Amino acid sequence: MSEHVSESEEDERITITHGAGGQATRDLVSETLTEGFGEAAEALVGLHDWDDGAVLPVGDENLVVTTDTHVVQPPFFPGGDIGRLAISGTVNDLAVMGATEVKGLTSAVVIEANYPRENLERIAESMAETCREASALVVSGDTKVMGNGELDGVTINTAGVGIAEHVTPDSGLAPNDVVLVTGAIGEHGISLLAEREGIDFEAELESDVQPLNDLLASALDAASESVTAMKDPTRTGLAGSLNEMARKSDVGIEITDERVPVTEDVTGAGELLGLDPYQIANEGVAILGVEPTAAESVLKTLRDHPKGANAAAIGKAIDDHRGRVVLDTGIGNRYLREPSKEAVPRIC
């Protein structure tokens, strides 16, 4: 006899949707995981600001702290692996807060018993190579081994600290700020899903996973405090991140579909899979809000950098539609909504 689970009992259980990064995640964290935590009174950006990191004043400097846990299947994919993902993800979380010079990283690796040593060596080598690319060092860490079946291969937690001369919270947009993206969207999620499912799209699909601190440092050098906000559009993609920025900044955001960089390969694969590139994870793209007087200069700076060749100005913050994102499709406008649930299994 099968056991029936009532709706009320189901409400008491954690589902995969709670890990998607959208409203269900926010509810879980705010109502359960952080309910008893206070907020540091001196924090410039704290736990309950839901940003990519916390910002704490230390003397005359702004200390940025962030942490992230990385689970991905498969752990090796075109363009990267879980090791490159772990380092890049934490470096980028620091960088979008303004801390483009990493002071130190930590790495905690949890490994399933009988995991191939060759794979672990490959991951460690990838992490070291990505650290060199980001001019970052792992300064502390931890290792645990779980029993067979208690873990799906390997999980990596990384934390990082850095100093931000100018803090760029995702809540910093003001009306008329120009919204930029540093590259084409959707490449990480689409390419990883194709690899996992063994789908051959006869296309050059490859994850965009990369550390962006050098790219974002060039933007900050070009415009300093004219960069008002930055965000790392990972799990919920461009749609989720823009909605979060609009909501937290109390502005609307208007973007033009034809200006958003998306490769033909990602568009075609997304159509076949029924997936919207706007809602697919990225691991090598950042969103910037820039004051209109500096937007052209910042865009040129991004495009002059090898990691920002496909950067684009995709829209602007507006007074209307506060907390919402309006997409100009070319034949009309519609709201661009954040994903209500995870479109595909975890990919970051």
Foldseek 3Di string as FASTA:
>chain_A
DDDDDDPVNVVVDDDQQCVLPDPNVVCCCCVPVCVPPDWDPQKPATDVNPWLWTWHDDPPWTKTKHKDKDDAPPQDFFAHGRLLLQQQSQCQSCQQFQFLDWPEKEKEKEFEPPQDPVVVVVSVVNNVVQCVVSVYYHDYYYYHYDYPPPDDGMMMMMMTMGIHPETATLLFADFPWFKKKQAAFQLQQLRRVCVRVVNCPVDPGHAQAHHCSVLSVLLCVQAPVQFGHKHAQFSQAQLRSQLSSLQSNQWEWEFEPVQHHHDPSSVVSCVVVVHDRRRHGHNLMMMITGHPVCVVVSLVSSCVDPSRVRMTGTTTTHHPPGSWYWYHHVVDIDTRHTDSGGPDRDHD
